[in-house]
Amino acid sequence: MSARALRRHLRRRRTLLPVTGAALLGLALSACGSGGSSGGGGQTQFVQGSGGVDVVKDRAGRQAAPELSGRTIDGKDLDVAKEYRGKIVVLNVWGSWCPPCRAEAKNFVAVANAYKDKGVQFVGIDTRDPDPAPAVAFHKEFGVPYPSLYDSSGKLLLRFPKGSLNPQSIPSTIFIDRDGKIAARALTPLGEDQLRATLDPLVAEK
């Protein structure tokens, strides 16, 4: 290969790399999918439960949730681990443009209100909205009582450990136990019964 051809080849590689990274992110998070590959493996030791919720029943087999912090859709700073230490956290990955997210919103609002005195905190992760305004309107429309981190590019979602019960579609829901470890995951829109059935065993843990 001549020197000129080599330079052209290297320039082409540098051009393709960012595109490839964006494409991989797109594949990892199916837009508004109602499910996806269950993934997992490694040390997660999860069981594919009924209703589309994968659960790690053995607390020793759960992996730590990643650090999730940033600005909320209304411009406030939020560090999930620090702010809600010792609580069960339900992370819902959503977007205002996503019909299944809109369909499940009322269920999340109802259960968040019902479980707020049981040591359970809901947190949204708003993704792929070009700016926070549609997400703010979504919160107002459905009366969402909990904060949502603004993550338009999906960077927070990529922090979840490889091989863990990580979010792989929109919507996805991650259940984090009181020790800050990933206890369950759903890759499908959830109803009230599914949310309660997943939360009740976590609330009962001592």
N, C-alpha and C. Protein backbone atom coordinates (compact mmCIF):
# COMPACT_ATOMS: atom_id res chain seq x y z
N MET A 1 0.85 -1.20 0.00
CA MET A 1 0.00 0.00 0.00
C MET A 1 0.88 1.24 0.00
N SER A 2 0.60 2.18 -0.90
CA SER A 2 1.40 3.40 -0.98
C SER A 2 1.12 4.29 0.22
N ALA A 3 2.01 5.27 0.44
CA ALA A 3 1.84 6.20 1.56
C ALA A 3 0.54 6.97 1.42
N ARG A 4 0.21 7.39 0.17
CA ARG A 4 -1.02 8.14 -0.04
C ARG A 4 -2.25 7.27 0.25
N ALA A 5 -2.23 6.03 -0.21
CA ALA A 5 -3.36 5.12 0.03
C ALA A 5 -3.52 4.83 1.52
N LEU A 6 -2.39 4.70 2.24
CA LEU A 6 -2.44 4.45 3.67
C LEU A 6 -3.10 5.61 4.40
N ARG A 7 -2.72 6.85 4.00
CA ARG A 7 -3.31 8.02 4.64
C ARG A 7 -4.82 8.07 4.41
N ARG A 8 -5.26 7.75 3.16
CA ARG A 8 -6.69 7.73 2.87
C ARG A 8 -7.41 6.69 3.72
N HIS A 9 -6.78 5.52 3.89
CA HIS A 9 -7.37 4.44 4.69
C HIS A 9 -7.54 4.87 6.15
N LEU A 10 -6.51 5.52 6.71
CA LEU A 10 -6.58 5.95 8.10
C LEU A 10 -7.63 7.03 8.30
N ARG A 11 -7.73 7.98 7.33
CA ARG A 11 -8.76 9.01 7.44
C ARG A 11 -10.15 8.41 7.41
N ARG A 12 -10.33 7.40 6.55
CA ARG A 12 -11.63 6.74 6.45
C ARG A 12 -12.00 6.04 7.76
N ARG A 13 -11.04 5.40 8.40
CA ARG A 13 -11.29 4.72 9.68
C ARG A 13 -11.70 5.71 10.75
N ARG A 14 -10.99 6.88 10.80
CA ARG A 14 -11.33 7.89 11.80
C ARG A 14 -12.73 8.42 11.57
N THR A 15 -13.17 8.50 10.32
CA THR A 15 -14.51 8.99 10.01
C THR A 15 -15.58 7.99 10.42
N LEU A 16 -15.30 6.71 10.26
CA LEU A 16 -16.30 5.69 10.51
C LEU A 16 -16.51 5.39 11.99
N LEU A 17 -15.50 5.57 12.80
CA LEU A 17 -15.60 5.16 14.20
C LEU A 17 -16.75 5.82 14.95
N PRO A 18 -16.94 7.15 14.91
CA PRO A 18 -18.07 7.74 15.62
C PRO A 18 -19.41 7.24 15.13
N VAL A 19 -19.53 7.02 13.82
CA VAL A 19 -20.78 6.53 13.26
C VAL A 19 -21.08 5.14 13.79
N THR A 20 -20.04 4.30 13.85
CA THR A 20 -20.21 2.94 14.36
C THR A 20 -20.67 2.96 15.81
N GLY A 21 -20.08 3.84 16.64
CA GLY A 21 -20.48 3.95 18.03
C GLY A 21 -21.93 4.34 18.17
N ALA A 22 -22.38 5.30 17.37
CA ALA A 22 -23.78 5.73 17.42
C ALA A 22 -24.70 4.60 16.98
N ALA A 23 -24.27 3.85 15.97
CA ALA A 23 -25.09 2.75 15.48
C ALA A 23 -25.24 1.67 16.54
N LEU A 24 -24.17 1.40 17.26
CA LEU A 24 -24.24 0.39 18.31
C LEU A 24 -25.19 0.80 19.41
N LEU A 25 -25.17 2.10 19.78
CA LEU A 25 -26.09 2.58 20.79
C LEU A 25 -27.53 2.41 20.32
N GLY A 26 -27.76 2.69 19.04
CA GLY A 26 -29.10 2.53 18.50
C GLY A 26 -29.58 1.10 18.55
N LEU A 27 -28.66 0.16 18.28
CA LEU A 27 -29.01 -1.25 18.33
C LEU A 27 -29.25 -1.71 19.75
N ALA A 28 -28.49 -1.16 20.69
CA ALA A 28 -28.63 -1.58 22.08
C ALA A 28 -29.95 -1.15 22.68
N LEU A 29 -30.50 -0.02 22.19
CA LEU A 29 -31.74 0.49 22.73
C LEU A 29 -32.78 0.57 21.62
N SER A 30 -33.56 -0.46 21.47
CA SER A 30 -34.57 -0.47 20.42
C SER A 30 -35.60 0.61 20.70
N ALA A 31 -35.82 1.47 19.74
CA ALA A 31 -36.73 2.60 19.95
C ALA A 31 -38.14 2.10 20.18
N CYS A 32 -38.66 2.41 21.35
CA CYS A 32 -40.05 2.10 21.68
C CYS A 32 -40.36 0.63 21.50
N GLY A 33 -39.42 -0.25 21.76
CA GLY A 33 -39.67 -1.68 21.66
C GLY A 33 -40.47 -2.16 22.84
N SER A 34 -41.22 -3.22 22.65
CA SER A 34 -41.99 -3.79 23.75
C SER A 34 -41.28 -4.97 24.38
N GLY A 35 -40.02 -5.09 24.08
CA GLY A 35 -39.27 -6.20 24.67
C GLY A 35 -37.87 -6.18 24.15
N GLY A 36 -37.26 -7.35 24.01
CA GLY A 36 -35.91 -7.42 23.51
C GLY A 36 -35.22 -8.62 24.10
N SER A 37 -33.95 -8.74 23.80
CA SER A 37 -33.17 -9.84 24.35
C SER A 37 -33.05 -9.68 25.84
N SER A 38 -33.22 -10.76 26.57
CA SER A 38 -33.14 -10.66 28.01
C SER A 38 -31.74 -10.37 28.49
N GLY A 39 -30.74 -10.75 27.70
CA GLY A 39 -29.37 -10.43 28.08
C GLY A 39 -29.01 -11.11 29.38
N GLY A 40 -28.29 -10.35 30.24
CA GLY A 40 -27.93 -10.90 31.54
C GLY A 40 -26.76 -11.84 31.42
N GLY A 41 -26.70 -12.81 32.32
CA GLY A 41 -25.60 -13.74 32.34
C GLY A 41 -24.57 -13.28 33.35
N GLY A 42 -23.35 -13.78 33.23
CA GLY A 42 -22.30 -13.39 34.16
C GLY A 42 -22.70 -13.76 35.57
N GLN A 43 -22.61 -12.78 36.48
CA GLN A 43 -22.90 -13.03 37.88
C GLN A 43 -24.31 -12.59 38.27
N THR A 44 -25.14 -12.24 37.30
CA THR A 44 -26.46 -11.72 37.65
C THR A 44 -27.38 -12.80 38.21
N GLN A 45 -27.25 -14.04 37.74
CA GLN A 45 -28.03 -15.16 38.24
C GLN A 45 -29.52 -14.85 38.25
N PHE A 46 -30.01 -14.25 37.18
CA PHE A 46 -31.41 -13.87 37.16
C PHE A 46 -32.29 -15.01 36.66
N VAL A 47 -33.54 -14.92 37.03
CA VAL A 47 -34.55 -15.88 36.60
C VAL A 47 -35.55 -15.13 35.72
N GLN A 48 -35.84 -15.68 34.56
CA GLN A 48 -36.82 -15.06 33.69
C GLN A 48 -38.20 -15.28 34.27
N GLY A 49 -38.73 -14.22 34.85
CA GLY A 49 -40.00 -14.33 35.54
C GLY A 49 -41.19 -14.14 34.61
N SER A 50 -42.36 -14.31 35.17
CA SER A 50 -43.59 -14.11 34.40
C SER A 50 -43.83 -12.62 34.21
N GLY A 51 -44.58 -12.28 33.17
CA GLY A 51 -44.92 -10.90 32.95
C GLY A 51 -43.78 -10.06 32.41
N GLY A 52 -42.72 -10.72 31.91
CA GLY A 52 -41.64 -9.97 31.30
C GLY A 52 -40.66 -9.34 32.27
N VAL A 53 -40.66 -9.75 33.53
CA VAL A 53 -39.74 -9.20 34.53
C VAL A 53 -38.71 -10.26 34.91
N ASP A 54 -37.43 -9.95 34.69
CA ASP A 54 -36.34 -10.84 35.11
C ASP A 54 -35.92 -10.44 36.52
N VAL A 55 -35.74 -11.44 37.39
CA VAL A 55 -35.50 -11.18 38.81
C VAL A 55 -34.25 -11.92 39.29
N VAL A 56 -33.44 -11.23 40.10
CA VAL A 56 -32.32 -11.86 40.79
C VAL A 56 -32.76 -12.09 42.24
N LYS A 57 -33.19 -13.30 42.53
CA LYS A 57 -33.73 -13.58 43.87
C LYS A 57 -32.65 -13.66 44.93
N ASP A 58 -31.47 -14.17 44.55
CA ASP A 58 -30.36 -14.29 45.49
C ASP A 58 -29.66 -12.94 45.60
N ARG A 59 -29.73 -12.31 46.75
CA ARG A 59 -29.15 -10.98 46.92
C ARG A 59 -27.65 -10.98 46.69
N ALA A 60 -26.99 -12.09 47.00
CA ALA A 60 -25.54 -12.17 46.81
C ALA A 60 -25.17 -12.17 45.33
N GLY A 61 -26.10 -12.52 44.46
CA GLY A 61 -25.82 -12.58 43.04
C GLY A 61 -26.12 -11.31 42.28
N ARG A 62 -26.57 -10.28 42.98
CA ARG A 62 -26.91 -9.02 42.33
C ARG A 62 -25.68 -8.15 42.10
N GLN A 63 -25.69 -7.43 41.00
CA GLN A 63 -24.60 -6.52 40.68
C GLN A 63 -24.96 -5.09 41.08
N ALA A 64 -23.94 -4.33 41.42
CA ALA A 64 -24.16 -2.94 41.84
C ALA A 64 -24.66 -2.11 40.67
N ALA A 65 -25.59 -1.23 40.94
CA ALA A 65 -26.06 -0.29 39.93
C ALA A 65 -24.98 0.76 39.68
N PRO A 66 -24.91 1.30 38.50
CA PRO A 66 -23.91 2.32 38.21
C PRO A 66 -24.26 3.66 38.85
N GLU A 67 -23.30 4.55 38.85
CA GLU A 67 -23.53 5.92 39.34
C GLU A 67 -24.41 6.62 38.32
N LEU A 68 -25.55 7.11 38.79
CA LEU A 68 -26.51 7.79 37.93
C LEU A 68 -26.77 9.19 38.48
N SER A 69 -26.25 10.17 37.81
CA SER A 69 -26.41 11.53 38.28
C SER A 69 -26.42 12.48 37.09
N GLY A 70 -26.95 13.65 37.30
CA GLY A 70 -26.99 14.65 36.24
C GLY A 70 -28.12 15.63 36.49
N ARG A 71 -28.53 16.31 35.41
CA ARG A 71 -29.62 17.28 35.49
C ARG A 71 -30.95 16.59 35.19
N THR A 72 -31.96 17.01 35.93
CA THR A 72 -33.31 16.52 35.66
C THR A 72 -33.92 17.34 34.54
N ILE A 73 -35.10 16.91 34.09
CA ILE A 73 -35.75 17.62 32.98
C ILE A 73 -36.15 19.04 33.37
N ASP A 74 -36.24 19.31 34.69
CA ASP A 74 -36.55 20.67 35.12
C ASP A 74 -35.32 21.43 35.62
N GLY A 75 -34.13 20.91 35.25
CA GLY A 75 -32.90 21.66 35.48
C GLY A 75 -32.27 21.53 36.85
N LYS A 76 -32.70 20.57 37.65
CA LYS A 76 -32.12 20.38 38.98
C LYS A 76 -31.06 19.28 38.94
N ASP A 77 -30.10 19.36 39.86
CA ASP A 77 -29.08 18.32 39.98
C ASP A 77 -29.63 17.15 40.78
N LEU A 78 -29.34 15.94 40.34
CA LEU A 78 -29.79 14.75 41.06
C LEU A 78 -28.72 13.67 40.99
N ASP A 79 -28.35 13.16 42.17
CA ASP A 79 -27.47 11.99 42.29
C ASP A 79 -28.32 10.91 42.95
N VAL A 80 -28.70 9.90 42.18
CA VAL A 80 -29.65 8.90 42.66
C VAL A 80 -29.14 8.16 43.90
N ALA A 81 -27.88 7.72 43.88
CA ALA A 81 -27.34 6.94 45.00
C ALA A 81 -27.28 7.77 46.29
N LYS A 82 -26.87 9.02 46.17
CA LYS A 82 -26.76 9.87 47.36
C LYS A 82 -28.13 10.32 47.87
N GLU A 83 -28.98 10.71 46.95
CA GLU A 83 -30.28 11.26 47.34
C GLU A 83 -31.21 10.20 47.92
N TYR A 84 -31.10 8.97 47.40
CA TYR A 84 -32.05 7.93 47.80
C TYR A 84 -31.35 6.73 48.43
N ARG A 85 -30.25 6.98 49.10
CA ARG A 85 -29.52 5.91 49.78
C ARG A 85 -30.43 5.17 50.76
N GLY A 86 -30.39 3.84 50.71
CA GLY A 86 -31.19 3.04 51.63
C GLY A 86 -32.62 2.80 51.17
N LYS A 87 -32.99 3.36 50.02
CA LYS A 87 -34.33 3.16 49.48
C LYS A 87 -34.30 2.18 48.31
N ILE A 88 -35.44 1.58 48.03
CA ILE A 88 -35.62 0.82 46.80
C ILE A 88 -35.89 1.84 45.70
N VAL A 89 -35.16 1.74 44.60
CA VAL A 89 -35.31 2.71 43.51
C VAL A 89 -35.83 1.99 42.27
N VAL A 90 -36.88 2.55 41.69
CA VAL A 90 -37.43 2.04 40.44
C VAL A 90 -37.06 3.02 39.34
N LEU A 91 -36.19 2.59 38.42
CA LEU A 91 -35.74 3.43 37.32
C LEU A 91 -36.55 3.09 36.06
N ASN A 92 -37.23 4.07 35.53
CA ASN A 92 -38.02 3.85 34.32
C ASN A 92 -37.41 4.64 33.17
N VAL A 93 -36.95 3.93 32.14
CA VAL A 93 -36.38 4.56 30.95
C VAL A 93 -37.52 4.85 29.98
N TRP A 94 -37.68 6.10 29.60
CA TRP A 94 -38.83 6.47 28.80
C TRP A 94 -38.49 7.64 27.88
N GLY A 95 -39.42 7.94 26.98
CA GLY A 95 -39.33 9.13 26.14
C GLY A 95 -40.73 9.63 25.85
N SER A 96 -40.88 10.93 25.74
CA SER A 96 -42.22 11.50 25.52
C SER A 96 -42.79 11.10 24.17
N TRP A 97 -41.93 10.70 23.23
CA TRP A 97 -42.30 10.33 21.87
C TRP A 97 -42.73 8.87 21.75
N CYS A 98 -42.64 8.12 22.84
CA CYS A 98 -42.79 6.67 22.83
C CYS A 98 -44.20 6.26 23.28
N PRO A 99 -45.05 5.73 22.38
CA PRO A 99 -46.42 5.35 22.75
C PRO A 99 -46.51 4.35 23.93
N PRO A 100 -45.69 3.28 23.98
CA PRO A 100 -45.79 2.39 25.15
C PRO A 100 -45.43 3.09 26.46
N CYS A 101 -44.52 4.07 26.39
CA CYS A 101 -44.18 4.83 27.61
C CYS A 101 -45.38 5.63 28.09
N ARG A 102 -46.11 6.21 27.16
CA ARG A 102 -47.30 6.97 27.51
C ARG A 102 -48.38 6.03 28.07
N ALA A 103 -48.47 4.83 27.50
CA ALA A 103 -49.49 3.88 27.95
C ALA A 103 -49.24 3.40 29.38
N GLU A 104 -47.98 3.26 29.76
CA GLU A 104 -47.67 2.75 31.10
C GLU A 104 -47.55 3.85 32.15
N ALA A 105 -47.54 5.11 31.73
CA ALA A 105 -47.27 6.22 32.65
C ALA A 105 -48.23 6.25 33.84
N LYS A 106 -49.52 6.05 33.56
CA LYS A 106 -50.50 6.12 34.65
C LYS A 106 -50.26 5.02 35.69
N ASN A 107 -49.73 3.88 35.25
CA ASN A 107 -49.44 2.79 36.18
C ASN A 107 -48.28 3.15 37.10
N PHE A 108 -47.26 3.79 36.54
CA PHE A 108 -46.11 4.19 37.35
C PHE A 108 -46.51 5.28 38.35
N VAL A 109 -47.35 6.20 37.91
CA VAL A 109 -47.79 7.27 38.81
C VAL A 109 -48.58 6.68 39.98
N ALA A 110 -49.48 5.75 39.70
CA ALA A 110 -50.31 5.15 40.74
C ALA A 110 -49.47 4.38 41.76
N VAL A 111 -48.54 3.57 41.27
CA VAL A 111 -47.73 2.76 42.19
C VAL A 111 -46.71 3.62 42.93
N ALA A 112 -46.15 4.63 42.27
CA ALA A 112 -45.22 5.53 42.95
C ALA A 112 -45.90 6.21 44.13
N ASN A 113 -47.13 6.64 43.94
CA ASN A 113 -47.87 7.28 45.04
C ASN A 113 -48.22 6.28 46.13
N ALA A 114 -48.56 5.05 45.74
CA ALA A 114 -48.97 4.04 46.72
C ALA A 114 -47.81 3.54 47.56
N TYR A 115 -46.58 3.57 47.00
CA TYR A 115 -45.43 2.98 47.69
C TYR A 115 -44.46 4.02 48.25
N LYS A 116 -44.80 5.29 48.19
CA LYS A 116 -43.86 6.32 48.65
C LYS A 116 -43.58 6.24 50.14
N ASP A 117 -44.51 5.67 50.91
CA ASP A 117 -44.30 5.53 52.35
C ASP A 117 -43.74 4.16 52.72
N LYS A 118 -43.34 3.38 51.71
CA LYS A 118 -42.77 2.05 51.95
C LYS A 118 -41.28 2.01 51.63
N GLY A 119 -40.66 3.18 51.54
CA GLY A 119 -39.23 3.22 51.24
C GLY A 119 -38.91 2.99 49.79
N VAL A 120 -39.85 3.32 48.89
CA VAL A 120 -39.66 3.13 47.45
C VAL A 120 -39.65 4.49 46.76
N GLN A 121 -38.65 4.72 45.94
CA GLN A 121 -38.53 5.97 45.18
C GLN A 121 -38.47 5.65 43.69
N PHE A 122 -39.33 6.27 42.93
CA PHE A 122 -39.31 6.14 41.47
C PHE A 122 -38.47 7.27 40.87
N VAL A 123 -37.73 6.95 39.82
CA VAL A 123 -36.92 7.93 39.09
C VAL A 123 -37.03 7.61 37.60
N GLY A 124 -37.29 8.61 36.80
CA GLY A 124 -37.32 8.41 35.36
C GLY A 124 -35.98 8.74 34.73
N ILE A 125 -35.71 8.13 33.59
CA ILE A 125 -34.57 8.52 32.75
C ILE A 125 -35.14 8.82 31.38
N ASP A 126 -35.26 10.10 31.07
CA ASP A 126 -35.83 10.54 29.80
C ASP A 126 -34.75 10.51 28.72
N THR A 127 -35.00 9.76 27.66
CA THR A 127 -33.98 9.62 26.62
C THR A 127 -34.55 9.92 25.24
N ARG A 128 -33.67 10.42 24.37
CA ARG A 128 -33.96 10.72 22.97
C ARG A 128 -34.94 11.86 22.74
N ASP A 129 -35.30 12.58 23.78
CA ASP A 129 -36.04 13.82 23.56
C ASP A 129 -35.03 14.89 23.18
N PRO A 130 -35.24 15.63 22.10
CA PRO A 130 -34.24 16.60 21.64
C PRO A 130 -33.99 17.74 22.61
N ASP A 131 -34.97 18.07 23.44
CA ASP A 131 -34.79 19.04 24.52
C ASP A 131 -35.77 18.67 25.63
N PRO A 132 -35.62 19.23 26.82
CA PRO A 132 -36.46 18.80 27.96
C PRO A 132 -37.93 19.19 27.86
N ALA A 133 -38.28 20.15 27.01
CA ALA A 133 -39.65 20.67 27.00
C ALA A 133 -40.72 19.58 26.80
N PRO A 134 -40.59 18.66 25.83
CA PRO A 134 -41.60 17.61 25.69
C PRO A 134 -41.69 16.71 26.92
N ALA A 135 -40.55 16.47 27.57
CA ALA A 135 -40.55 15.63 28.77
C ALA A 135 -41.26 16.33 29.92
N VAL A 136 -41.04 17.64 30.05
CA VAL A 136 -41.73 18.41 31.09
C VAL A 136 -43.24 18.37 30.85
N ALA A 137 -43.64 18.50 29.59
CA ALA A 137 -45.06 18.44 29.25
C ALA A 137 -45.65 17.06 29.56
N PHE A 138 -44.86 16.01 29.32
CA PHE A 138 -45.27 14.63 29.63
C PHE A 138 -45.53 14.51 31.14
N HIS A 139 -44.59 14.98 31.96
CA HIS A 139 -44.75 14.93 33.42
C HIS A 139 -46.02 15.65 33.86
N LYS A 140 -46.25 16.82 33.26
CA LYS A 140 -47.43 17.60 33.64
C LYS A 140 -48.71 16.90 33.22
N GLU A 141 -48.73 16.33 32.02
CA GLU A 141 -49.93 15.66 31.50
C GLU A 141 -50.35 14.49 32.36
N PHE A 142 -49.35 13.70 32.82
CA PHE A 142 -49.67 12.49 33.58
C PHE A 142 -49.56 12.67 35.10
N GLY A 143 -49.19 13.86 35.53
CA GLY A 143 -49.06 14.11 36.97
C GLY A 143 -47.96 13.29 37.62
N VAL A 144 -46.83 13.17 36.93
CA VAL A 144 -45.71 12.35 37.43
C VAL A 144 -45.14 13.00 38.69
N PRO A 145 -45.12 12.27 39.83
CA PRO A 145 -44.71 12.88 41.10
C PRO A 145 -43.23 12.72 41.43
N TYR A 146 -42.46 12.12 40.53
CA TYR A 146 -41.05 11.85 40.81
C TYR A 146 -40.18 12.49 39.73
N PRO A 147 -38.88 12.65 40.02
CA PRO A 147 -37.99 13.32 39.06
C PRO A 147 -37.58 12.41 37.91
N SER A 148 -37.17 13.03 36.81
CA SER A 148 -36.61 12.30 35.68
C SER A 148 -35.29 12.96 35.27
N LEU A 149 -34.25 12.15 35.20
CA LEU A 149 -32.98 12.63 34.66
C LEU A 149 -33.11 12.81 33.16
N TYR A 150 -32.49 13.87 32.64
CA TYR A 150 -32.53 14.14 31.20
C TYR A 150 -31.29 13.52 30.57
N ASP A 151 -31.51 12.52 29.70
CA ASP A 151 -30.41 11.75 29.12
C ASP A 151 -30.69 11.54 27.63
N SER A 152 -30.71 12.64 26.88
CA SER A 152 -31.13 12.56 25.48
C SER A 152 -30.23 11.66 24.64
N SER A 153 -28.94 11.59 24.98
CA SER A 153 -27.99 10.81 24.18
C SER A 153 -27.86 9.36 24.65
N GLY A 154 -28.44 9.02 25.80
CA GLY A 154 -28.35 7.65 26.32
C GLY A 154 -27.05 7.34 27.05
N LYS A 155 -26.28 8.36 27.44
CA LYS A 155 -25.00 8.11 28.10
C LYS A 155 -25.17 7.42 29.46
N LEU A 156 -26.21 7.80 30.19
CA LEU A 156 -26.44 7.17 31.50
C LEU A 156 -26.74 5.68 31.34
N LEU A 157 -27.45 5.34 30.29
CA LEU A 157 -27.84 3.94 30.08
C LEU A 157 -26.63 3.07 29.78
N LEU A 158 -25.61 3.65 29.17
CA LEU A 158 -24.39 2.90 28.85
C LEU A 158 -23.52 2.65 30.07
N ARG A 159 -23.86 3.24 31.21
CA ARG A 159 -23.08 3.02 32.42
C ARG A 159 -23.39 1.69 33.10
N PHE A 160 -24.49 1.07 32.72
CA PHE A 160 -24.84 -0.21 33.35
C PHE A 160 -23.82 -1.27 32.97
N PRO A 161 -23.40 -2.10 33.95
CA PRO A 161 -22.34 -3.09 33.68
C PRO A 161 -22.71 -4.06 32.58
N LYS A 162 -21.72 -4.41 31.78
CA LYS A 162 -21.90 -5.42 30.75
C LYS A 162 -22.28 -6.74 31.40
N GLY A 163 -23.30 -7.39 30.87
CA GLY A 163 -23.74 -8.67 31.43
C GLY A 163 -24.69 -8.53 32.59
N SER A 164 -25.03 -7.28 32.96
CA SER A 164 -25.98 -7.09 34.06
C SER A 164 -27.39 -7.02 33.49
N LEU A 165 -28.37 -6.90 34.38
CA LEU A 165 -29.73 -6.67 33.93
C LEU A 165 -29.83 -5.19 33.55
N ASN A 166 -29.36 -4.89 32.37
CA ASN A 166 -29.27 -3.50 31.92
C ASN A 166 -30.45 -3.15 31.01
N PRO A 167 -30.76 -1.87 30.87
CA PRO A 167 -31.84 -1.47 29.96
C PRO A 167 -31.44 -1.71 28.52
N GLN A 168 -32.33 -2.35 27.75
CA GLN A 168 -32.02 -2.67 26.36
C GLN A 168 -33.11 -2.22 25.40
N SER A 169 -34.13 -1.60 25.91
CA SER A 169 -35.22 -1.12 25.05
C SER A 169 -35.89 0.07 25.72
N ILE A 170 -36.76 0.71 24.99
CA ILE A 170 -37.52 1.83 25.54
C ILE A 170 -38.99 1.51 25.34
N PRO A 171 -39.75 1.34 26.43
CA PRO A 171 -39.34 1.52 27.81
C PRO A 171 -38.61 0.31 28.39
N SER A 172 -37.79 0.58 29.41
CA SER A 172 -37.20 -0.45 30.27
C SER A 172 -37.38 0.02 31.70
N THR A 173 -37.45 -0.93 32.62
CA THR A 173 -37.55 -0.58 34.03
C THR A 173 -36.56 -1.42 34.84
N ILE A 174 -35.77 -0.74 35.66
CA ILE A 174 -34.77 -1.39 36.50
C ILE A 174 -35.16 -1.20 37.97
N PHE A 175 -35.14 -2.28 38.73
CA PHE A 175 -35.45 -2.23 40.16
C PHE A 175 -34.15 -2.38 40.95
N ILE A 176 -33.84 -1.40 41.76
CA ILE A 176 -32.60 -1.40 42.56
C ILE A 176 -32.96 -1.57 44.03
N ASP A 177 -32.31 -2.53 44.69
CA ASP A 177 -32.65 -2.81 46.09
C ASP A 177 -32.05 -1.78 47.04
N ARG A 178 -32.30 -1.96 48.32
CA ARG A 178 -31.85 -0.99 49.33
C ARG A 178 -30.33 -0.90 49.42
N ASP A 179 -29.63 -1.93 48.93
CA ASP A 179 -28.17 -1.94 48.96
C ASP A 179 -27.56 -1.33 47.70
N GLY A 180 -28.41 -0.81 46.82
CA GLY A 180 -27.90 -0.20 45.59
C GLY A 180 -27.55 -1.21 44.52
N LYS A 181 -28.16 -2.40 44.58
CA LYS A 181 -27.86 -3.45 43.60
C LYS A 181 -29.08 -3.73 42.73
N ILE A 182 -28.82 -4.17 41.49
CA ILE A 182 -29.88 -4.42 40.52
C ILE A 182 -30.59 -5.73 40.86
N ALA A 183 -31.87 -5.62 41.20
CA ALA A 183 -32.63 -6.79 41.64
C ALA A 183 -33.55 -7.34 40.57
N ALA A 184 -33.96 -6.49 39.63
CA ALA A 184 -34.91 -6.95 38.61
C ALA A 184 -34.90 -5.98 37.43
N ARG A 185 -35.41 -6.47 36.31
CA ARG A 185 -35.48 -5.65 35.10
C ARG A 185 -36.64 -6.10 34.23
N ALA A 186 -37.31 -5.12 33.62
CA ALA A 186 -38.36 -5.39 32.64
C ALA A 186 -38.02 -4.68 31.35
N LEU A 187 -38.20 -5.37 30.23
CA LEU A 187 -37.96 -4.79 28.91
C LEU A 187 -39.27 -4.63 28.16
N THR A 188 -40.32 -4.36 28.90
CA THR A 188 -41.66 -4.26 28.33
C THR A 188 -42.46 -3.27 29.15
N PRO A 189 -43.49 -2.64 28.60
CA PRO A 189 -44.34 -1.78 29.42
C PRO A 189 -44.96 -2.57 30.57
N LEU A 190 -45.08 -1.92 31.72
CA LEU A 190 -45.56 -2.61 32.91
C LEU A 190 -46.91 -2.07 33.38
N GLY A 191 -47.72 -2.98 33.89
CA GLY A 191 -48.98 -2.61 34.52
C GLY A 191 -48.80 -2.49 36.03
N GLU A 192 -49.84 -2.02 36.69
CA GLU A 192 -49.77 -1.87 38.15
C GLU A 192 -49.48 -3.21 38.83
N ASP A 193 -50.14 -4.27 38.41
CA ASP A 193 -49.96 -5.57 39.06
C ASP A 193 -48.52 -6.05 38.94
N GLN A 194 -47.91 -5.85 37.77
CA GLN A 194 -46.52 -6.27 37.58
C GLN A 194 -45.58 -5.46 38.47
N LEU A 195 -45.82 -4.17 38.56
CA LEU A 195 -44.99 -3.32 39.42
C LEU A 195 -45.10 -3.75 40.88
N ARG A 196 -46.31 -3.95 41.33
CA ARG A 196 -46.51 -4.34 42.73
C ARG A 196 -45.91 -5.72 43.02
N ALA A 197 -46.09 -6.66 42.08
CA ALA A 197 -45.58 -8.02 42.28
C ALA A 197 -44.05 -8.04 42.35
N THR A 198 -43.40 -7.12 41.66
CA THR A 198 -41.94 -7.05 41.69
C THR A 198 -41.46 -6.30 42.93
N LEU A 199 -42.18 -5.28 43.32
CA LEU A 199 -41.77 -4.46 44.47
C LEU A 199 -42.02 -5.14 45.82
N ASP A 200 -43.10 -5.86 45.95
CA ASP A 200 -43.46 -6.40 47.27
C ASP A 200 -42.35 -7.28 47.87
N PRO A 201 -41.73 -8.20 47.12
CA PRO A 201 -40.63 -8.98 47.71
C PRO A 201 -39.44 -8.12 48.11
N LEU A 202 -39.17 -7.04 47.36
CA LEU A 202 -38.06 -6.16 47.70
C LEU A 202 -38.38 -5.36 48.96
N VAL A 203 -39.61 -4.92 49.09
CA VAL A 203 -40.02 -4.20 50.31
C VAL A 203 -39.91 -5.13 51.52
N ALA A 204 -40.19 -6.40 51.33
CA ALA A 204 -40.17 -7.37 52.44
C ALA A 204 -38.75 -7.76 52.87
N GLU A 205 -37.77 -7.50 52.01
CA GLU A 205 -36.38 -7.84 52.37
C GLU A 205 -35.91 -7.01 53.57
N LYS A 206 -35.20 -7.67 54.45
CA LYS A 206 -34.68 -6.98 55.64
C LYS A 206 -33.18 -6.74 55.52
